[in-house]
Amino acid sequence: MDDISAAIIAIVVGACVSAVVVAADKRGLRQPPGPPMTFPARAFEEALRTPGTGWFRKKLRCDRKSFLRIYELVRASWRHEPDPNCKHKLIKRVALTMMYLAQGGTMDPAASALGISRSRGVVYINETLVVLSAMARKFVVMPSADETAVIEEGFFATAGFPGTVGAVDGTLVRIARPHDFEGWYCRKNFPAVNVQAIVDHCGLFRSISIRSGSNNDQSLWNGSAVRKCLSSFIPPGKHLVADAGYKIWGHMLTPFSEADAVEDRRKRVYNLAHSRTLMVVECAFGRLKNRFRVLLGKVEQKSSATVCNVIIGCVVLHNLLTIVHDNMLVDGDDPLLHFAPASVADDPYETEQPISHQQGITKRDDIADILAVI
């Protein structure tokens, strides 16, 4: 074999060996590394160091001062505060949760905006929501006797409707289709939960009940915890106001039917005052959903317990921001509140005495007589 042939054979063998090594290792075929999962977002830390409130209004839908006061309240309710040496402080976790609730969608964008990985962001948000839900026992409560007198005066100042100590209404919140979807579809044919609340004259949520979307307002009211102990909250002779989706009782006044009101001025005057009084709960739901936009869309949670934590967490934050007199003006309608109320059907589990129904009718007539001569 001459020198030229030997050189050719050596080149061919070397090329074959290189190909075998590359095929076995495959490191030479790897793609260049992609972008990191998180980045050092410092906007929140910078916003904390400055007196401005723009970042907080845009991202958290509240003022800087209000956020700091809410953080202190949440911190006081946190049983085991994170280690001071951990990477993400408790204040950042509260901001993360409020950003998720205020911006809507999924948890990922909020975590990414604050430089937190998706997996840790989900954990932090769920932990904070559990704490907020527990805070409802202190910040979403029926009024005391002294508060009830103030609430009655506040409602009367609105439209001259006497004896009112609370307004009741419900709204729908869209949810992801559950695996076991039976009973979750509302009468508008999408999966939802029905959220019912009692609100005072200031728009504070005093009671909250959550059931599957197939429950109408009346059945939800009949099964609510506050309904079972209503006599301990509503003084004798006082009442709540509710729309036509509820049945009239001595403790709950509803409007006259539209057909009756058309022919009777006295009933029209009553319905107008009743509607203006009830409007406070409609406005409260509108502010709640337009501040915490996660409730305007579909709540993308896998379990009903987490869905409830999201809703209750929003209600608690709404009350806290109302209590601390947050200066950010939040307005807007609740698109799922203005559906025509379902007709009231007799509930086989109704435990009210028939006399209470008659008392409600009599009280409504008496108030209509009073309003007609004012």
Protein backbone atom coordinates (compact mmCIF):
# COMPACT_ATOMS: atom_id res chain seq x y z
CA MET A 1 0.00 0.00 0.00
CA ASP A 2 1.46 3.31 -1.04
CA ASP A 3 1.48 6.45 1.11
CA ILE A 4 -1.48 8.06 -0.69
CA SER A 5 -3.76 5.04 -0.12
CA ALA A 6 -2.80 4.87 3.56
CA ALA A 7 -3.64 8.55 4.03
CA ILE A 8 -7.05 8.13 2.41
CA ILE A 9 -7.88 5.14 4.64
CA ALA A 10 -6.85 7.09 7.76
CA ILE A 11 -9.10 10.02 6.82
CA VAL A 12 -12.10 7.75 6.20
CA VAL A 13 -11.63 5.85 9.48
CA GLY A 14 -11.29 9.12 11.42
CA ALA A 15 -14.50 10.49 9.93
CA CYS A 16 -16.39 7.30 10.80
CA VAL A 17 -15.16 7.36 14.40
CA SER A 18 -16.20 11.02 14.78
CA ALA A 19 -19.66 10.26 13.42
CA VAL A 20 -20.10 7.39 15.88
CA VAL A 21 -19.05 9.55 18.84
CA VAL A 22 -21.44 12.36 17.88
CA ALA A 23 -24.31 9.94 17.33
CA ALA A 24 -23.75 8.30 20.69
CA ASP A 25 -23.28 11.48 22.69
CA LYS A 26 -25.65 13.87 20.83
CA ARG A 27 -24.26 16.79 22.76
CA GLY A 28 -23.25 18.37 19.50
CA LEU A 29 -26.91 18.35 18.39
CA ARG A 30 -28.32 20.30 21.34
CA GLN A 31 -30.14 23.56 20.72
CA PRO A 32 -28.76 26.71 22.32
CA PRO A 33 -30.20 27.34 25.79
CA GLY A 34 -33.55 29.15 25.90
CA PRO A 35 -34.43 32.16 28.00
CA PRO A 36 -34.51 31.67 31.77
CA MET A 37 -37.82 30.80 33.46
CA THR A 38 -37.73 33.95 35.59
CA PHE A 39 -35.92 37.26 35.49
CA PRO A 40 -34.89 39.68 38.22
CA ALA A 41 -37.98 41.90 38.11
CA ARG A 42 -37.35 44.79 40.48
CA ALA A 43 -40.36 47.00 39.74
CA PHE A 44 -42.15 46.02 42.95
CA GLU A 45 -39.10 46.67 45.14
CA GLU A 46 -38.54 50.02 43.43
CA ALA A 47 -42.21 50.96 43.90
CA LEU A 48 -41.91 50.21 47.62
CA ARG A 49 -38.93 52.56 47.94
CA THR A 50 -40.67 55.52 46.30
CA PRO A 51 -43.68 57.49 47.55
CA GLY A 52 -45.49 57.28 44.21
CA THR A 53 -48.61 55.15 43.86
CA GLY A 54 -48.74 54.65 40.09
CA TRP A 55 -47.36 51.09 40.03
CA PHE A 56 -49.75 49.96 42.76
CA ARG A 57 -52.77 51.46 41.03
CA LYS A 58 -51.87 49.87 37.72
CA LYS A 59 -50.89 46.43 38.98
CA LEU A 60 -52.77 45.96 42.26
CA ARG A 61 -55.74 48.30 41.68
CA CYS A 62 -55.19 50.22 44.93
CA ASP A 63 -53.01 52.95 46.44
CA ARG A 64 -49.56 52.27 47.87
CA LYS A 65 -50.68 53.31 51.36
CA SER A 66 -53.70 51.01 51.20
CA PHE A 67 -51.55 48.07 50.10
CA LEU A 68 -49.17 48.55 53.02
CA ARG A 69 -52.05 48.63 55.50
CA ILE A 70 -53.56 45.49 54.01
CA TYR A 71 -50.18 43.77 54.13
CA GLU A 72 -49.94 44.47 57.87
CA LEU A 73 -53.40 42.99 58.42
CA VAL A 74 -52.55 39.88 56.41
CA ARG A 75 -49.22 39.56 58.18
CA ALA A 76 -50.98 39.67 61.56
CA SER A 77 -53.24 36.81 60.44
CA TRP A 78 -50.37 34.65 59.11
CA ARG A 79 -49.68 31.89 61.63
CA HIS A 80 -46.19 30.98 60.45
CA GLU A 81 -44.48 33.88 58.74
CA PRO A 82 -41.83 32.85 56.17
CA ASP A 83 -38.21 32.78 57.27
CA PRO A 84 -36.69 36.28 56.99
CA ASN A 85 -33.82 34.82 54.94
CA CYS A 86 -36.08 33.30 52.27
CA LYS A 87 -35.81 34.70 48.76
CA HIS A 88 -39.37 36.04 48.46
CA LYS A 89 -40.62 37.98 51.47
CA LEU A 90 -44.20 37.84 52.72
CA ILE A 91 -44.92 41.35 51.44
CA LYS A 92 -44.01 40.22 47.93
CA ARG A 93 -46.28 37.18 48.23
CA VAL A 94 -49.20 39.40 49.21
CA ALA A 95 -48.46 41.67 46.24
CA LEU A 96 -48.28 38.61 43.98
CA THR A 97 -51.70 37.43 45.12
CA MET A 98 -53.28 40.86 44.73
CA MET A 99 -51.76 41.22 41.26
CA TYR A 100 -53.23 37.87 40.19
CA LEU A 101 -56.67 38.82 41.51
CA ALA A 102 -56.53 42.35 40.07
CA GLN A 103 -55.21 41.48 36.61
CA GLY A 104 -57.18 38.27 36.04
CA GLY A 105 -56.25 35.36 33.81
CA THR A 106 -53.93 32.71 35.22
CA MET A 107 -51.30 32.90 37.94
CA ASP A 108 -48.35 32.72 35.51
CA PRO A 109 -48.22 36.37 34.33
CA ALA A 110 -48.29 37.71 37.89
CA ALA A 111 -45.49 35.38 38.98
CA SER A 112 -43.40 36.27 35.93
CA ALA A 113 -43.89 40.02 36.48
CA LEU A 114 -42.47 39.72 40.00
CA GLY A 115 -39.60 37.43 39.04
CA ILE A 116 -41.07 34.33 40.71
CA SER A 117 -41.15 30.91 39.10
CA ARG A 118 -44.52 29.52 38.12
CA SER A 119 -44.37 26.62 40.56
CA ARG A 120 -43.47 28.82 43.52
CA GLY A 121 -45.98 31.47 42.44
CA VAL A 122 -48.85 28.98 42.53
CA VAL A 123 -47.83 27.88 46.02
CA TYR A 124 -47.52 31.45 47.32
CA ILE A 125 -50.86 32.55 45.87
CA ASN A 126 -52.75 29.55 47.22
CA GLU A 127 -51.19 30.01 50.67
CA THR A 128 -52.19 33.67 50.75
CA LEU A 129 -55.72 32.90 49.56
CA VAL A 130 -56.15 30.45 52.42
CA VAL A 131 -55.14 33.16 54.90
CA LEU A 132 -57.47 35.71 53.29
CA SER A 133 -60.36 33.23 53.41
CA ALA A 134 -59.74 32.68 57.11
CA MET A 135 -59.81 36.45 57.63
CA ALA A 136 -63.44 36.46 56.44
CA ARG A 137 -64.44 35.33 59.93
CA LYS A 138 -63.34 38.76 61.15
CA PHE A 139 -63.94 41.06 58.18
CA VAL A 140 -67.09 39.60 56.54
CA VAL A 141 -69.54 39.52 59.44
CA MET A 142 -73.10 40.54 60.15
CA PRO A 143 -73.42 43.88 61.95
CA SER A 144 -73.77 44.34 65.68
CA ALA A 145 -76.83 46.00 67.22
CA ASP A 146 -75.11 49.40 67.24
CA GLU A 147 -74.00 49.01 63.62
CA THR A 148 -77.50 47.96 62.57
CA ALA A 149 -78.94 51.30 63.68
CA VAL A 150 -76.32 53.18 61.63
CA ILE A 151 -76.96 50.96 58.60
CA GLU A 152 -80.71 51.56 58.81
CA GLU A 153 -80.12 55.33 58.82
CA GLY A 154 -77.76 55.01 55.85
CA PHE A 155 -80.28 53.09 53.74
CA PHE A 156 -83.07 55.50 54.68
CA ALA A 157 -80.93 58.44 53.57
CA THR A 158 -80.54 56.82 50.14
CA ALA A 159 -84.19 56.60 49.11
CA GLY A 160 -86.36 57.04 52.17
CA PHE A 161 -87.05 53.30 52.40
CA PRO A 162 -87.60 52.56 56.11
CA GLY A 163 -86.44 49.66 58.27
CA THR A 164 -83.76 48.32 55.90
CA VAL A 165 -80.67 46.75 57.49
CA GLY A 166 -79.17 45.02 54.44
CA ALA A 167 -79.50 44.37 50.70
CA VAL A 168 -79.37 40.86 49.24
CA ASP A 169 -78.47 39.81 45.72
CA GLY A 170 -76.48 37.22 43.83
CA THR A 171 -74.15 37.07 40.87
CA LEU A 172 -72.55 34.38 38.75
CA VAL A 173 -68.82 33.72 38.45
CA ARG A 174 -67.65 31.65 35.51
CA ILE A 175 -65.46 28.64 36.28
CA ALA A 176 -63.59 26.06 34.25
CA ARG A 177 -65.72 23.04 33.36
CA PRO A 178 -65.35 20.57 36.24
CA HIS A 179 -64.65 16.93 35.54
CA ASP A 180 -67.85 16.10 37.41
CA PHE A 181 -69.88 18.87 35.79
CA GLU A 182 -73.35 17.75 36.87
CA GLY A 183 -75.07 20.63 38.66
CA TRP A 184 -72.41 23.25 37.89
CA TYR A 185 -74.06 24.68 34.76
CA CYS A 186 -76.17 27.77 35.39
CA ARG A 187 -79.37 28.56 33.54
CA LYS A 188 -77.31 30.54 31.00
CA ASN A 189 -75.65 27.24 30.04
CA PHE A 190 -72.09 27.78 31.21
CA PRO A 191 -70.31 26.34 34.28
CA ALA A 192 -70.43 28.79 37.15
CA VAL A 193 -70.88 29.31 40.85
CA ASN A 194 -73.69 31.41 42.28
CA VAL A 195 -72.41 33.96 44.79
CA GLN A 196 -74.95 35.51 47.15
CA ALA A 197 -74.21 38.40 49.49
CA ILE A 198 -75.74 40.69 52.07
CA VAL A 199 -74.33 44.22 51.74
CA ASP A 200 -74.71 47.25 54.01
CA HIS A 201 -75.28 50.88 52.97
CA CYS A 202 -71.53 51.47 52.51
CA GLY A 203 -71.09 48.54 50.14
CA LEU A 204 -69.38 46.31 52.71
CA PHE A 205 -70.06 42.62 52.25
CA ARG A 206 -71.61 41.36 55.49
CA SER A 207 -72.30 37.78 54.42
CA ILE A 208 -71.23 35.59 51.51
CA SER A 209 -72.64 32.25 50.33
CA ILE A 210 -71.32 30.24 47.38
CA ARG A 211 -73.06 27.31 45.68
CA SER A 212 -72.99 25.63 42.28
CA GLY A 213 -74.44 27.54 39.35
CA SER A 214 -77.56 25.38 39.10
CA ASN A 215 -78.87 26.87 42.37
CA ASN A 216 -81.20 29.83 41.89
CA ASP A 217 -81.22 32.78 44.27
CA GLN A 218 -84.07 31.52 46.42
CA SER A 219 -82.67 28.01 46.92
CA LEU A 220 -79.24 29.46 47.68
CA TRP A 221 -80.80 31.74 50.28
CA ASN A 222 -82.75 28.87 51.85
CA GLY A 223 -79.56 26.85 52.25
CA SER A 224 -77.31 29.65 53.46
CA ALA A 225 -75.89 29.67 56.97
CA VAL A 226 -76.97 33.26 57.63
CA ARG A 227 -80.58 32.44 56.74
CA LYS A 228 -80.71 29.82 59.50
CA CYS A 229 -79.79 32.33 62.22
CA LEU A 230 -81.31 35.47 60.76
CA SER A 231 -83.34 36.32 63.85
CA SER A 232 -80.12 36.95 65.78
CA PHE A 233 -79.00 39.59 63.27
CA ILE A 234 -82.17 41.38 62.18
CA PRO A 235 -84.04 43.30 64.90
CA PRO A 236 -87.81 42.78 65.14
CA GLY A 237 -89.66 44.86 62.58
CA LYS A 238 -86.58 45.37 60.37
CA HIS A 239 -85.87 43.69 57.06
CA LEU A 240 -83.58 43.07 54.12
CA VAL A 241 -84.41 44.11 50.55
CA ALA A 242 -84.12 41.71 47.62
CA ASP A 243 -85.15 41.52 43.97
CA ALA A 244 -88.00 39.55 42.41
CA GLY A 245 -85.92 36.37 42.40
CA TYR A 246 -86.75 35.96 46.08
CA LYS A 247 -89.97 35.28 47.91
CA ILE A 248 -91.36 37.98 50.16
CA TRP A 249 -91.20 37.44 53.91
CA GLY A 250 -91.50 39.56 57.00
CA HIS A 251 -87.69 39.81 57.09
CA MET A 252 -87.20 40.22 53.31
CA LEU A 253 -89.09 42.69 51.13
CA THR A 254 -89.27 42.33 47.36
CA PRO A 255 -90.81 44.64 44.70
CA PHE A 256 -94.34 44.50 43.39
CA SER A 257 -94.64 42.75 40.04
CA GLU A 258 -94.16 45.03 37.05
CA ALA A 259 -97.63 44.18 35.78
CA ASP A 260 -99.19 45.42 39.02
CA ALA A 261 -96.98 48.52 39.18
CA VAL A 262 -97.98 49.69 35.70
CA GLU A 263 -101.56 50.23 36.80
CA ASP A 264 -100.88 51.53 40.31
CA ARG A 265 -98.87 54.70 41.02
CA ARG A 266 -98.50 53.74 44.68
CA LYS A 267 -96.76 50.51 43.71
CA ARG A 268 -94.55 52.30 41.17
CA VAL A 269 -93.35 54.72 43.85
CA TYR A 270 -92.59 51.81 46.16
CA ASN A 271 -90.70 49.93 43.44
CA LEU A 272 -88.60 53.00 42.63
CA ALA A 273 -87.56 53.51 46.26
CA HIS A 274 -86.96 49.78 46.65
CA SER A 275 -84.80 49.70 43.50
CA ARG A 276 -82.69 52.67 44.63
CA THR A 277 -82.17 51.01 48.00
CA LEU A 278 -81.21 47.68 46.43
CA MET A 279 -78.77 49.35 44.05
CA VAL A 280 -76.07 49.39 46.72
CA VAL A 281 -75.53 45.64 46.40
CA GLU A 282 -75.43 45.85 42.60
CA CYS A 283 -72.79 48.58 42.83
CA ALA A 284 -70.82 46.53 45.37
CA PHE A 285 -70.66 43.55 43.02
CA GLY A 286 -69.68 45.88 40.16
CA ARG A 287 -66.80 47.39 42.15
CA LEU A 288 -65.72 43.96 43.38
CA LYS A 289 -65.45 42.49 39.90
CA ASN A 290 -63.93 45.56 38.26
CA ARG A 291 -61.24 45.88 40.92
CA PHE A 292 -60.49 42.16 41.01
CA ARG A 293 -60.80 41.31 37.35
CA VAL A 294 -60.18 37.63 37.88
CA LEU A 295 -63.93 37.51 38.66
CA LEU A 296 -64.84 39.14 35.33
CA GLY A 297 -63.44 36.25 33.35
CA LYS A 298 -63.29 32.53 33.99
CA VAL A 299 -61.72 31.47 37.28
CA GLU A 300 -59.21 28.88 36.08
CA GLN A 301 -58.93 26.69 39.17
CA LYS A 302 -59.13 22.92 39.34
CA SER A 303 -61.02 22.49 42.61
CA SER A 304 -64.19 24.07 43.95
CA ALA A 305 -62.38 24.79 47.23
CA THR A 306 -59.78 26.93 45.44
CA VAL A 307 -62.50 28.70 43.45
CA CYS A 308 -64.19 29.60 46.73
CA ASN A 309 -60.88 30.83 48.18
CA VAL A 310 -60.42 33.12 45.16
CA ILE A 311 -63.90 34.61 45.55
CA ILE A 312 -63.74 34.98 49.33
CA GLY A 313 -60.23 36.43 49.08
CA CYS A 314 -61.53 39.11 46.70
CA VAL A 315 -64.43 39.90 49.04
CA VAL A 316 -62.12 40.24 52.05
CA LEU A 317 -59.77 42.54 50.13
CA HIS A 318 -62.75 44.59 48.92
CA ASN A 319 -63.89 45.09 52.50
CA LEU A 320 -60.39 45.94 53.70
CA LEU A 321 -59.94 48.53 50.95
CA THR A 322 -63.32 50.01 51.84
CA ILE A 323 -62.41 50.15 55.53
CA VAL A 324 -59.06 51.87 54.90
CA HIS A 325 -60.76 54.34 52.51
CA ASP A 326 -58.66 53.54 49.45
CA ASN A 327 -58.61 56.56 47.15
CA MET A 328 -58.64 54.72 43.83
CA LEU A 329 -62.00 55.12 42.13
CA VAL A 330 -63.23 51.78 40.81
CA ASP A 331 -66.46 51.71 38.88
CA GLY A 332 -68.21 49.48 36.40
CA ASP A 333 -71.08 47.06 35.98
CA ASP A 334 -71.28 43.40 36.79
CA PRO A 335 -72.16 41.77 33.43
CA LEU A 336 -73.60 38.67 35.11
CA LEU A 337 -75.76 40.53 37.62
CA HIS A 338 -78.40 41.96 35.31
CA PHE A 339 -79.92 38.74 34.07
CA ALA A 340 -83.66 38.71 34.70
CA PRO A 341 -84.28 36.91 37.98
CA ALA A 342 -85.67 33.42 37.72
CA SER A 343 -89.25 32.92 38.76
CA VAL A 344 -89.67 31.95 42.38
CA ALA A 345 -90.78 28.35 42.72
CA ASP A 346 -92.02 26.71 45.88
CA ASP A 347 -89.11 25.09 47.67
CA PRO A 348 -89.99 21.72 49.23
CA TYR A 349 -87.37 22.43 51.89
CA GLU A 350 -88.77 25.87 52.77
CA THR A 351 -89.02 26.13 56.54
CA GLU A 352 -90.55 29.61 56.80
CA GLN A 353 -93.96 29.84 58.42
CA PRO A 354 -96.80 30.94 56.10
CA ILE A 355 -97.56 33.76 58.52
CA SER A 356 -94.14 35.30 57.75
CA HIS A 357 -95.07 35.44 54.06
CA GLN A 358 -98.29 37.27 54.90
CA GLN A 359 -96.40 39.61 57.24
CA GLY A 360 -94.12 40.54 54.36
CA ILE A 361 -97.05 41.34 52.08
CA THR A 362 -98.67 43.47 54.77
CA LYS A 363 -95.42 45.31 55.53
CA ARG A 364 -94.85 46.03 51.84
CA ASP A 365 -98.35 47.50 51.53
CA ASP A 366 -97.81 49.67 54.61
CA ILE A 367 -94.50 51.04 53.28
CA ALA A 368 -96.11 51.68 49.89
CA ASP A 369 -98.81 53.73 51.63
CA ILE A 370 -96.17 55.75 53.51
CA LEU A 371 -94.08 56.45 50.41
CA ALA A 372 -97.11 57.41 48.34
CA VAL A 373 -97.88 60.45 50.50
CA ILE A 374 -94.31 61.73 50.89
